[in-house]
Amino acid sequence: MQHRLRDVMALVARLVVGATFLAHGYQKFVLYGMDNVVASFGKMGLPAVAAWFTAIVEVVGGLGLILGVLLPVAGVLLAAIMIGALFTAHLSGGFFNSDGGFEYVLVLAATCLALGFSGPRYTLSGLFKGNSAKVEQPAA
């Protein structure tokens, strides 16, 4: 029972964090427009490729977390863009998010790594490998 509950909670966390990244990617592509995002990144001294990479990773990585596909890759890439955001946009703001600090991006980076290596249960990958529906037997 404990293992099943842990796996369900990992699924809930993947859905919430994945949807958050998907929303941020959508925001960059649709609401702001990539020309504006590239210009914003440029003001921080970052190249256009960083803006595009970030937006694509947010969309694809967010979907990866939601669906449970290539979780380690999605987790590492999402964590990497959050660490990049920490050093390029948030470090000078101190720790607290309310002051523009790095608190939020640091939590997201750690969460993405944890979720990326959380295991195959309740994932699309696990379903195709036969791990999603496997019921663990209690120890004798």
C-alpha atoms as a PDB file:
ATOM      1  CA  MET A   1       0.000   0.000   0.000  1.00  0.00           C
ATOM      2  CA  GLN A   2       2.799   2.421   0.903  1.00  0.00           C
ATOM      3  CA  HIS A   3       4.533   1.868  -2.446  1.00  0.00           C
ATOM      4  CA  ARG A   4       1.303   2.448  -4.362  1.00  0.00           C
ATOM      5  CA  LEU A   5       0.645   5.676  -2.449  1.00  0.00           C
ATOM      6  CA  ARG A   6       4.208   6.859  -3.122  1.00  0.00           C
ATOM      7  CA  ASP A   7       3.768   6.158  -6.838  1.00  0.00           C
ATOM      8  CA  VAL A   8       0.428   7.999  -6.951  1.00  0.00           C
ATOM      9  CA  MET A   9       1.979  11.015  -5.203  1.00  0.00           C
ATOM     10  CA  ALA A  10       4.859  10.978  -7.729  1.00  0.00           C
ATOM     11  CA  LEU A  11       2.239  10.953 -10.494  1.00  0.00           C
ATOM     12  CA  VAL A  12       0.411  13.923  -8.947  1.00  0.00           C
ATOM     13  CA  ALA A  13       3.677  15.837  -8.603  1.00  0.00           C
ATOM     14  CA  ARG A  14       4.651  15.024 -12.202  1.00  0.00           C
ATOM     15  CA  LEU A  15       1.276  16.251 -13.448  1.00  0.00           C
ATOM     16  CA  VAL A  16       1.463  19.526 -11.504  1.00  0.00           C
ATOM     17  CA  VAL A  17       5.101  20.314 -12.269  1.00  0.00           C
ATOM     18  CA  GLY A  18       4.763  19.167 -15.882  1.00  0.00           C
ATOM     19  CA  ALA A  19       1.667  21.341 -16.386  1.00  0.00           C
ATOM     20  CA  THR A  20       3.542  24.288 -14.857  1.00  0.00           C
ATOM     21  CA  PHE A  21       6.390  23.936 -17.339  1.00  0.00           C
ATOM     22  CA  LEU A  22       3.978  23.359 -20.210  1.00  0.00           C
ATOM     23  CA  ALA A  23       2.155  26.581 -19.263  1.00  0.00           C
ATOM     24  CA  HIS A  24       5.429  28.534 -19.188  1.00  0.00           C
ATOM     25  CA  GLY A  25       6.397  27.178 -22.599  1.00  0.00           C
ATOM     26  CA  TYR A  26       2.945  28.060 -23.949  1.00  0.00           C
ATOM     27  CA  GLN A  27       3.367  31.527 -22.462  1.00  0.00           C
ATOM     28  CA  LYS A  28       6.650  31.999 -24.321  1.00  0.00           C
ATOM     29  CA  PHE A  29       5.426  30.663 -27.667  1.00  0.00           C
ATOM     30  CA  VAL A  30       1.854  31.957 -27.751  1.00  0.00           C
ATOM     31  CA  LEU A  31       1.236  34.746 -25.259  1.00  0.00           C
ATOM     32  CA  TYR A  32       4.540  36.625 -25.388  1.00  0.00           C
ATOM     33  CA  GLY A  33       5.749  35.473 -28.785  1.00  0.00           C
ATOM     34  CA  MET A  34       9.246  34.188 -29.346  1.00  0.00           C
ATOM     35  CA  ASP A  35      10.480  37.511 -30.766  1.00  0.00           C
ATOM     36  CA  ASN A  36       9.728  39.142 -27.406  1.00  0.00           C
ATOM     37  CA  VAL A  37      11.227  36.237 -25.469  1.00  0.00           C
ATOM     38  CA  VAL A  38      14.413  36.383 -27.552  1.00  0.00           C
ATOM     39  CA  ALA A  39      14.617  40.141 -26.907  1.00  0.00           C
ATOM     40  CA  SER A  40      14.100  39.591 -23.163  1.00  0.00           C
ATOM     41  CA  PHE A  41      16.831  36.961 -23.051  1.00  0.00           C
ATOM     42  CA  GLY A  42      19.046  39.307 -25.088  1.00  0.00           C
ATOM     43  CA  LYS A  43      18.682  42.009 -22.423  1.00  0.00           C
ATOM     44  CA  MET A  44      20.199  39.504 -19.978  1.00  0.00           C
ATOM     45  CA  GLY A  45      23.086  38.897 -22.371  1.00  0.00           C
ATOM     46  CA  LEU A  46      21.798  35.516 -23.550  1.00  0.00           C
ATOM     47  CA  PRO A  47      21.716  34.409 -27.189  1.00  0.00           C
ATOM     48  CA  ALA A  48      18.508  33.711 -29.103  1.00  0.00           C
ATOM     49  CA  VAL A  49      19.271  29.988 -29.020  1.00  0.00           C
ATOM     50  CA  ALA A  50      18.945  30.054 -25.208  1.00  0.00           C
ATOM     51  CA  ALA A  51      15.434  31.488 -25.479  1.00  0.00           C
ATOM     52  CA  TRP A  52      14.393  28.874 -28.009  1.00  0.00           C
ATOM     53  CA  PHE A  53      16.044  26.046 -26.066  1.00  0.00           C
ATOM     54  CA  THR A  54      14.301  27.124 -22.868  1.00  0.00           C
ATOM     55  CA  ALA A  55      10.862  27.352 -24.477  1.00  0.00           C
ATOM     56  CA  ILE A  56      11.228  24.002 -26.254  1.00  0.00           C
ATOM     57  CA  VAL A  57      12.488  22.254 -23.103  1.00  0.00           C
ATOM     58  CA  GLU A  58       9.596  23.695 -21.104  1.00  0.00           C
ATOM     59  CA  VAL A  59       7.047  22.314 -23.571  1.00  0.00           C
ATOM     60  CA  VAL A  60       8.679  18.974 -24.358  1.00  0.00           C
ATOM     61  CA  GLY A  61       9.978  18.402 -20.811  1.00  0.00           C
ATOM     62  CA  GLY A  62       6.617  19.367 -19.332  1.00  0.00           C
ATOM     63  CA  LEU A  63       4.890  16.862 -21.598  1.00  0.00           C
ATOM     64  CA  GLY A  64       7.544  14.288 -20.694  1.00  0.00           C
ATOM     65  CA  LEU A  65       6.758  14.685 -16.993  1.00  0.00           C
ATOM     66  CA  ILE A  66       3.005  14.578 -17.581  1.00  0.00           C
ATOM     67  CA  LEU A  67       3.146  11.469 -19.752  1.00  0.00           C
ATOM     68  CA  GLY A  68       6.031   9.816 -17.945  1.00  0.00           C
ATOM     69  CA  VAL A  69       8.203   9.535 -21.045  1.00  0.00           C
ATOM     70  CA  LEU A  70      12.005   9.736 -20.898  1.00  0.00           C
ATOM     71  CA  LEU A  71      11.740  10.960 -17.324  1.00  0.00           C
ATOM     72  CA  PRO A  72      15.481  11.170 -16.585  1.00  0.00           C
ATOM     73  CA  VAL A  73      16.074  13.215 -19.739  1.00  0.00           C
ATOM     74  CA  ALA A  74      13.102  15.500 -19.049  1.00  0.00           C
ATOM     75  CA  GLY A  75      14.119  15.932 -15.403  1.00  0.00           C
ATOM     76  CA  VAL A  76      17.737  16.783 -16.180  1.00  0.00           C
ATOM     77  CA  LEU A  77      16.878  19.200 -19.011  1.00  0.00           C
ATOM     78  CA  LEU A  78      14.226  20.983 -16.967  1.00  0.00           C
ATOM     79  CA  ALA A  79      16.584  21.214 -13.998  1.00  0.00           C
ATOM     80  CA  ALA A  80      19.294  22.585 -16.289  1.00  0.00           C
ATOM     81  CA  ILE A  81      17.131  25.436 -17.561  1.00  0.00           C
ATOM     82  CA  MET A  82      16.129  26.245 -13.978  1.00  0.00           C
ATOM     83  CA  ILE A  83      19.784  26.359 -12.897  1.00  0.00           C
ATOM     84  CA  GLY A  84      20.417  28.591 -15.908  1.00  0.00           C
ATOM     85  CA  ALA A  85      17.586  30.868 -14.774  1.00  0.00           C
ATOM     86  CA  LEU A  86      19.040  30.881 -11.268  1.00  0.00           C
ATOM     87  CA  PHE A  87      22.424  32.152 -12.461  1.00  0.00           C
ATOM     88  CA  THR A  88      21.235  34.510 -15.204  1.00  0.00           C
ATOM     89  CA  ALA A  89      18.091  36.081 -13.753  1.00  0.00           C
ATOM     90  CA  HIS A  90      17.527  35.273 -10.073  1.00  0.00           C
ATOM     91  CA  LEU A  91      20.814  35.025  -8.175  1.00  0.00           C
ATOM     92  CA  SER A  92      21.153  38.772  -7.761  1.00  0.00           C
ATOM     93  CA  GLY A  93      17.686  38.913  -6.167  1.00  0.00           C
ATOM     94  CA  GLY A  94      18.774  36.883  -3.142  1.00  0.00           C
ATOM     95  CA  PHE A  95      16.975  33.785  -1.932  1.00  0.00           C
ATOM     96  CA  PHE A  96      13.317  34.731  -1.631  1.00  0.00           C
ATOM     97  CA  ASN A  97      11.067  34.603  -4.675  1.00  0.00           C
ATOM     98  CA  SER A  98       9.150  37.650  -3.436  1.00  0.00           C
ATOM     99  CA  ASP A  99      12.317  39.692  -4.012  1.00  0.00           C
ATOM    100  CA  GLY A 100      12.979  38.174  -7.450  1.00  0.00           C
ATOM    101  CA  GLY A 101      15.297  35.616  -5.895  1.00  0.00           C
ATOM    102  CA  PHE A 102      16.142  32.048  -6.769  1.00  0.00           C
ATOM    103  CA  GLU A 103      13.958  30.166  -4.265  1.00  0.00           C
ATOM    104  CA  TYR A 104      11.337  29.058  -6.827  1.00  0.00           C
ATOM    105  CA  VAL A 105      13.732  28.038  -9.613  1.00  0.00           C
ATOM    106  CA  LEU A 106      15.893  26.115  -7.134  1.00  0.00           C
ATOM    107  CA  VAL A 107      12.867  24.183  -5.837  1.00  0.00           C
ATOM    108  CA  LEU A 108      11.765  23.461  -9.408  1.00  0.00           C
ATOM    109  CA  ALA A 109      15.255  22.233 -10.356  1.00  0.00           C
ATOM    110  CA  ALA A 110      15.413  19.845  -7.390  1.00  0.00           C
ATOM    111  CA  THR A 111      11.838  18.668  -7.986  1.00  0.00           C
ATOM    112  CA  CYS A 112      12.526  17.957 -11.655  1.00  0.00           C
ATOM    113  CA  LEU A 113      15.552  15.847 -10.765  1.00  0.00           C
ATOM    114  CA  ALA A 114      13.585  13.925  -8.137  1.00  0.00           C
ATOM    115  CA  LEU A 115      10.668  13.327 -10.507  1.00  0.00           C
ATOM    116  CA  GLY A 116      12.967  12.457 -13.380  1.00  0.00           C
ATOM    117  CA  PHE A 117      14.385   9.568 -11.396  1.00  0.00           C
ATOM    118  CA  SER A 118      11.184   8.576  -9.568  1.00  0.00           C
ATOM    119  CA  GLY A 119      10.615   5.279 -11.312  1.00  0.00           C
ATOM    120  CA  PRO A 120       8.434   3.833 -14.034  1.00  0.00           C
ATOM    121  CA  ARG A 121       5.100   3.272 -12.294  1.00  0.00           C
ATOM    122  CA  TYR A 122       2.107   5.201 -13.600  1.00  0.00           C
ATOM    123  CA  THR A 123       4.003   6.382 -16.662  1.00  0.00           C
ATOM    124  CA  LEU A 124       3.495   5.867 -20.350  1.00  0.00           C
ATOM    125  CA  SER A 125       6.969   4.298 -20.524  1.00  0.00           C
ATOM    126  CA  GLY A 126       6.098   1.961 -17.659  1.00  0.00           C
ATOM    127  CA  LEU A 127       2.844   0.997 -19.343  1.00  0.00           C
ATOM    128  CA  PHE A 128       4.680  -0.102 -22.487  1.00  0.00           C
ATOM    129  CA  LYS A 129       7.220  -2.034 -20.414  1.00  0.00           C
ATOM    130  CA  GLY A 130       4.500  -3.646 -18.295  1.00  0.00           C
ATOM    131  CA  ASN A 131       5.518  -1.859 -15.052  1.00  0.00           C
ATOM    132  CA  SER A 132       2.508   0.400 -14.668  1.00  0.00           C
ATOM    133  CA  ALA A 133      -0.018  -2.200 -13.572  1.00  0.00           C
ATOM    134  CA  LYS A 134       2.331  -4.485 -11.669  1.00  0.00           C
ATOM    135  CA  VAL A 135       1.138  -5.008  -8.110  1.00  0.00           C
ATOM    136  CA  GLU A 136       3.819  -5.551  -5.501  1.00  0.00           C
ATOM    137  CA  GLN A 137       3.238  -8.554  -3.284  1.00  0.00           C
ATOM    138  CA  PRO A 138       3.645  -8.054   0.466  1.00  0.00           C
ATOM    139  CA  ALA A 139       6.645  -9.718   2.076  1.00  0.00           C
ATOM    140  CA  ALA A 140       5.911 -13.056   3.671  1.00  0.00           C
END
